[in-house]
Amino acid sequence: MTSPPHRALRALDRFHSARPWDHNAHFHRWILRQLPARAESALDVGCGSGDLARLLAARDVRVHGIDADPAITARARELTPATVPVTYGVADAPAGLPDGPYDVITCVAVLHHLPFAETLEAFRERLAPGGTLVVVGVSRERTPVDHVLGIASIPLNIVMALVKNRGRRAARPASMTAPTRPADMTFPEILREARAVLPGARLRRRLFWRYTLVWHHR
């Protein structure tokens, strides 16, 4: 017999499957607010369907987006008008990262798929002096704070799904078609390793099962 908590989780899964919304896109406007005052070039790592890359380009920034998935990269090209200053490439991170330097490097919900410290080192090497690295990541829940934020996110998640989909069923957007997997590292582990590679990095736990990292290259 299925327990009430399991039945509730299954009901939530069915609800969100019918009314999906992109948790990563929720942070895009926040990412734009982190840009340095004078940014001319950006690298979006794990660009997916190119939503963030196009937003960055709207700020008069030349953007190069990379993703390991050829299909989603092709979709990003289809969705990006030829007049928008965005290019895309298929590449694995960190080994396939272009040389740079870049004024901005963004990485949204991708870092937990990659070797953590090695990838941060590669970002640091490709960031121009005065540039900014912005990461929105996923961590494994372990601490009481993690669980409190996770519980608080559940009703907010339902509200956001209803508002963004106007209460109706909706198809899954292109930005949510990439393969996913759970995170291995906890937030305390991420905090310790990130600050060892990027002294002065600012990290915060966030709602909707995310954390953020901002680092400025001095």
Protein backbone atom coordinates (compact mmCIF):
# COMPACT_ATOMS: atom_id res chain seq x y z
CA MET A 1 0.00 0.00 0.00
CA THR A 2 1.37 3.42 -0.94
CA SER A 3 1.92 5.78 2.01
CA PRO A 4 0.30 9.27 2.06
CA PRO A 5 3.67 11.08 1.55
CA HIS A 6 4.43 8.93 -1.51
CA ARG A 7 0.96 9.55 -2.92
CA ALA A 8 1.41 13.30 -2.38
CA LEU A 9 4.78 13.27 -4.18
CA ARG A 10 3.32 11.35 -7.10
CA ALA A 11 0.45 13.84 -7.31
CA LEU A 12 2.93 16.72 -7.33
CA ASP A 13 4.94 15.03 -10.10
CA ARG A 14 1.77 14.66 -12.20
CA PHE A 15 0.83 18.29 -11.53
CA HIS A 16 4.22 19.63 -12.62
CA SER A 17 4.41 17.33 -15.63
CA ALA A 18 1.16 18.89 -16.82
CA ARG A 19 2.18 22.46 -15.92
CA PRO A 20 5.97 22.69 -16.29
CA TRP A 21 7.94 25.86 -15.73
CA ASP A 22 11.67 26.47 -16.03
CA HIS A 23 13.27 26.90 -12.60
CA ASN A 24 16.55 27.95 -14.22
CA ALA A 25 14.93 30.70 -16.31
CA HIS A 26 13.54 32.08 -13.05
CA PHE A 27 17.10 33.24 -12.25
CA HIS A 28 17.88 34.83 -15.63
CA ARG A 29 16.87 38.36 -14.64
CA TRP A 30 18.93 38.04 -11.47
CA ILE A 31 21.91 36.95 -13.59
CA LEU A 32 21.56 40.05 -15.77
CA ARG A 33 21.79 42.23 -12.66
CA GLN A 34 25.21 40.72 -11.86
CA LEU A 35 26.82 41.84 -15.13
CA PRO A 36 29.77 44.23 -14.89
CA ALA A 37 29.11 47.79 -15.98
CA ARG A 38 31.16 47.34 -19.15
CA ALA A 39 30.72 43.89 -20.64
CA GLU A 40 31.41 43.22 -24.30
CA SER A 41 31.80 39.44 -24.45
CA ALA A 42 30.17 36.51 -22.67
CA LEU A 43 30.47 32.72 -22.61
CA ASP A 44 27.36 30.76 -21.64
CA VAL A 45 28.38 27.24 -20.63
CA GLY A 46 25.60 24.69 -21.02
CA CYS A 47 23.55 27.12 -23.07
CA GLY A 48 20.73 24.68 -23.82
CA SER A 49 18.14 26.26 -26.12
CA GLY A 50 19.86 29.66 -25.86
CA ASP A 51 17.35 31.57 -23.73
CA LEU A 52 19.98 33.15 -21.47
CA ALA A 53 22.39 33.76 -24.36
CA ARG A 54 19.75 35.80 -26.16
CA LEU A 55 19.03 37.83 -23.03
CA LEU A 56 22.74 38.57 -22.62
CA ALA A 57 22.95 39.63 -26.26
CA ALA A 58 20.09 42.07 -25.69
CA ARG A 59 22.50 43.94 -23.38
CA ASP A 60 24.83 44.63 -26.33
CA VAL A 61 27.08 41.73 -25.36
CA ARG A 62 28.62 39.36 -27.91
CA VAL A 63 27.76 35.88 -26.67
CA HIS A 64 29.14 32.44 -27.43
CA GLY A 65 27.09 29.56 -26.08
CA ILE A 66 28.36 26.02 -25.79
CA ASP A 67 26.59 22.78 -24.97
CA ALA A 68 27.58 19.13 -25.13
CA ASP A 69 24.25 18.19 -26.74
CA PRO A 70 24.25 18.71 -30.55
CA ALA A 71 20.44 18.50 -30.75
CA ILE A 72 19.78 21.26 -28.21
CA THR A 73 22.55 23.39 -29.76
CA ALA A 74 20.86 23.06 -33.14
CA ARG A 75 17.58 24.10 -31.54
CA ALA A 76 19.29 27.15 -30.02
CA ARG A 77 20.47 28.19 -33.49
CA GLU A 78 16.92 27.80 -34.85
CA LEU A 79 15.49 29.98 -32.08
CA THR A 80 18.10 32.75 -32.44
CA PRO A 81 17.54 35.38 -35.17
CA ALA A 82 20.52 35.93 -37.45
CA THR A 83 20.74 39.57 -36.35
CA VAL A 84 21.33 38.64 -32.70
CA PRO A 85 25.07 38.59 -31.78
CA VAL A 86 25.12 35.00 -30.49
CA THR A 87 27.15 32.06 -31.79
CA TYR A 88 26.85 28.47 -30.65
CA GLY A 89 29.20 25.52 -30.54
CA VAL A 90 29.08 21.89 -29.45
CA ALA A 91 31.76 21.30 -26.81
CA ASP A 92 32.37 19.52 -23.54
CA ALA A 93 33.44 21.48 -20.49
CA PRO A 94 35.97 22.03 -19.17
CA ALA A 95 38.25 20.50 -21.83
CA GLY A 96 36.44 22.06 -24.79
CA LEU A 97 36.02 25.57 -23.44
CA PRO A 98 37.18 28.27 -25.89
CA ASP A 99 40.21 30.26 -24.83
CA GLY A 100 38.63 33.64 -24.11
CA PRO A 101 39.07 35.94 -22.33
CA TYR A 102 35.44 36.84 -21.60
CA ASP A 103 33.96 39.68 -19.58
CA VAL A 104 31.16 37.40 -18.37
CA ILE A 105 30.91 33.63 -17.94
CA THR A 106 27.56 32.10 -17.02
CA CYS A 107 26.75 28.52 -16.10
CA VAL A 108 23.21 27.54 -15.13
CA ALA A 109 22.32 24.12 -13.67
CA VAL A 110 25.28 22.48 -15.43
CA LEU A 111 28.17 22.54 -12.96
CA HIS A 112 26.96 19.43 -11.09
CA HIS A 113 27.43 17.46 -14.35
CA LEU A 114 31.12 18.49 -14.51
CA PRO A 115 34.31 18.06 -12.42
CA PHE A 116 33.68 20.87 -9.97
CA ALA A 117 37.07 22.36 -9.03
CA GLU A 118 38.61 21.70 -12.46
CA THR A 119 35.74 23.51 -14.18
CA LEU A 120 35.95 26.51 -11.86
CA GLU A 121 39.68 26.71 -12.54
CA ALA A 122 38.97 26.72 -16.29
CA PHE A 123 36.39 29.50 -15.83
CA ARG A 124 38.89 31.54 -13.79
CA GLU A 125 41.54 31.21 -16.50
CA ARG A 126 39.14 32.42 -19.21
CA LEU A 127 37.67 35.36 -17.34
CA ALA A 128 39.05 38.79 -18.24
CA PRO A 129 40.32 41.09 -15.47
CA GLY A 130 37.30 42.96 -14.15
CA GLY A 131 35.02 40.19 -15.43
CA THR A 132 32.30 38.32 -13.58
CA LEU A 133 31.48 34.62 -13.24
CA VAL A 134 27.84 33.82 -12.43
CA VAL A 135 26.74 30.29 -11.58
CA VAL A 136 23.30 28.97 -10.73
CA GLY A 137 23.79 25.47 -9.44
CA VAL A 138 22.16 22.45 -7.86
CA SER A 139 23.34 20.84 -4.63
CA ARG A 140 22.43 17.71 -2.69
CA GLU A 141 20.16 18.40 0.27
CA ARG A 142 21.66 17.38 3.58
CA THR A 143 21.56 20.16 6.20
CA PRO A 144 18.47 21.40 8.12
CA VAL A 145 18.64 24.67 6.16
CA ASP A 146 18.53 22.72 2.89
CA HIS A 147 15.42 20.85 3.98
CA VAL A 148 13.65 23.98 5.23
CA LEU A 149 14.26 25.75 1.92
CA GLY A 150 13.15 22.65 0.03
CA ILE A 151 9.89 22.42 1.98
CA ALA A 152 9.26 26.16 1.56
CA SER A 153 9.81 25.80 -2.20
CA ILE A 154 7.02 23.24 -2.65
CA PRO A 155 3.97 25.56 -2.28
CA LEU A 156 5.80 28.36 -4.10
CA ASN A 157 6.56 25.93 -6.89
CA ILE A 158 2.86 25.15 -7.28
CA VAL A 159 1.94 28.85 -7.31
CA MET A 160 4.60 29.62 -9.93
CA ALA A 161 3.39 26.74 -12.11
CA LEU A 162 -0.18 28.03 -11.96
CA VAL A 163 0.79 31.65 -12.63
CA LYS A 164 3.21 30.97 -15.48
CA ASN A 165 0.83 28.55 -17.19
CA ARG A 166 -2.32 30.55 -16.30
CA GLY A 167 -3.69 27.47 -14.60
CA ARG A 168 -3.72 25.46 -17.81
CA ARG A 169 -1.83 22.41 -19.00
CA ALA A 170 1.22 23.22 -21.10
CA ALA A 171 3.85 21.52 -23.20
CA ARG A 172 7.37 21.23 -21.84
CA PRO A 173 9.47 24.14 -23.19
CA ALA A 174 12.59 23.46 -25.26
CA SER A 175 14.76 24.70 -22.39
CA MET A 176 13.58 21.78 -20.24
CA THR A 177 14.36 18.96 -22.67
CA ALA A 178 18.04 18.49 -21.76
CA PRO A 179 19.02 15.39 -19.72
CA THR A 180 19.30 15.95 -15.97
CA ARG A 181 20.74 14.10 -13.01
CA PRO A 182 20.81 14.74 -9.26
CA ALA A 183 23.69 16.60 -7.65
CA ASP A 184 26.38 14.74 -5.67
CA MET A 185 27.90 17.64 -3.71
CA THR A 186 26.29 19.30 -0.70
CA PHE A 187 26.24 23.07 -0.32
CA PRO A 188 28.94 23.08 2.43
CA GLU A 189 31.20 21.03 0.12
CA ILE A 190 30.51 23.40 -2.77
CA LEU A 191 31.22 26.42 -0.57
CA ARG A 192 34.56 25.03 0.62
CA GLU A 193 35.82 23.96 -2.81
CA ALA A 194 34.60 27.09 -4.61
CA ARG A 195 36.34 29.46 -2.20
CA ALA A 196 39.57 27.46 -2.49
CA VAL A 197 39.57 28.08 -6.26
CA LEU A 198 37.86 31.50 -6.29
CA PRO A 199 38.81 33.49 -3.18
CA GLY A 200 36.10 35.98 -2.28
CA ALA A 201 33.36 34.15 -4.19
CA ARG A 202 29.84 34.88 -2.92
CA LEU A 203 27.62 31.82 -2.57
CA ARG A 204 24.02 31.66 -1.36
CA ARG A 205 21.40 28.97 -0.98
CA ARG A 206 18.22 29.84 -2.89
CA LEU A 207 14.64 28.71 -3.17
CA PHE A 208 13.61 26.22 -5.86
CA TRP A 209 16.51 23.85 -5.04
CA ARG A 210 19.25 26.10 -6.35
CA TYR A 211 22.31 27.98 -5.10
CA THR A 212 24.12 30.92 -6.69
CA LEU A 213 27.80 31.79 -7.00
CA VAL A 214 29.23 35.15 -8.08
CA TRP A 215 32.94 35.87 -8.46
CA HIS A 216 34.64 39.01 -9.71
CA HIS A 217 38.08 38.76 -11.31
CA ARG A 218 40.22 41.53 -9.79
